[in-house]
Amino acid sequence: MKFFWTILAILFIKPIIGIVKFFWMIISFAVQLLFYKILDWFFKLI
């Protein structure tokens, strides 16, 4: 029974980790883009 629960847990956890990594990639990319935009805008002000 414990073996069954382990497989079930792995099946549930693996996709969640995949989704989190995917979202983290998108968020970090968006933050970098935003950061460059702000820097660009900042240097234009100077």
Protein backbone atom coordinates (compact mmCIF):
# COMPACT_ATOMS: atom_id res chain seq x y z
CA MET A 1 0.00 0.00 0.00
CA LYS A 2 2.82 2.38 0.85
CA PHE A 3 4.40 1.69 -2.55
CA PHE A 4 1.13 2.69 -4.21
CA TRP A 5 1.01 5.97 -2.30
CA THR A 6 4.63 6.69 -3.23
CA ILE A 7 3.83 6.26 -6.94
CA LEU A 8 0.73 8.43 -6.54
CA ALA A 9 2.74 11.15 -4.77
CA ILE A 10 5.42 11.10 -7.50
CA LEU A 11 2.76 11.32 -10.21
CA PHE A 12 1.24 14.34 -8.47
CA ILE A 13 4.46 16.11 -7.50
CA LYS A 14 6.35 15.77 -10.82
CA PRO A 15 3.85 17.79 -12.91
CA ILE A 16 3.56 20.43 -10.18
CA ILE A 17 7.35 20.91 -10.17
CA GLY A 18 7.28 21.11 -13.96
CA ILE A 19 4.57 23.77 -13.90
CA VAL A 20 6.39 25.77 -11.21
CA LYS A 21 9.65 25.67 -13.21
CA PHE A 22 7.78 26.76 -16.33
CA PHE A 23 6.14 29.69 -14.52
CA TRP A 24 9.45 30.64 -12.87
CA MET A 25 11.08 30.78 -16.33
CA ILE A 26 8.32 33.07 -17.65
CA ILE A 27 8.36 35.30 -14.56
CA SER A 28 12.16 35.67 -14.50
CA PHE A 29 12.12 36.48 -18.23
CA ALA A 30 9.40 39.11 -17.73
CA VAL A 31 11.27 40.64 -14.77
CA GLN A 32 14.48 40.88 -16.80
CA LEU A 33 12.60 42.52 -19.66
CA LEU A 34 10.99 45.00 -17.27
CA PHE A 35 14.35 45.70 -15.62
CA TYR A 36 15.98 46.49 -18.98
CA LYS A 37 13.06 48.75 -19.93
CA ILE A 38 13.38 50.67 -16.64
CA LEU A 39 17.17 51.01 -17.06
CA ASP A 40 16.71 52.19 -20.64
CA TRP A 41 14.12 54.74 -19.53
CA PHE A 42 16.32 55.81 -16.60
CA PHE A 43 19.33 56.49 -18.85
CA LYS A 44 17.16 58.52 -21.21
CA LEU A 45 16.25 60.79 -18.31
CA ILE A 46 19.86 61.50 -17.40
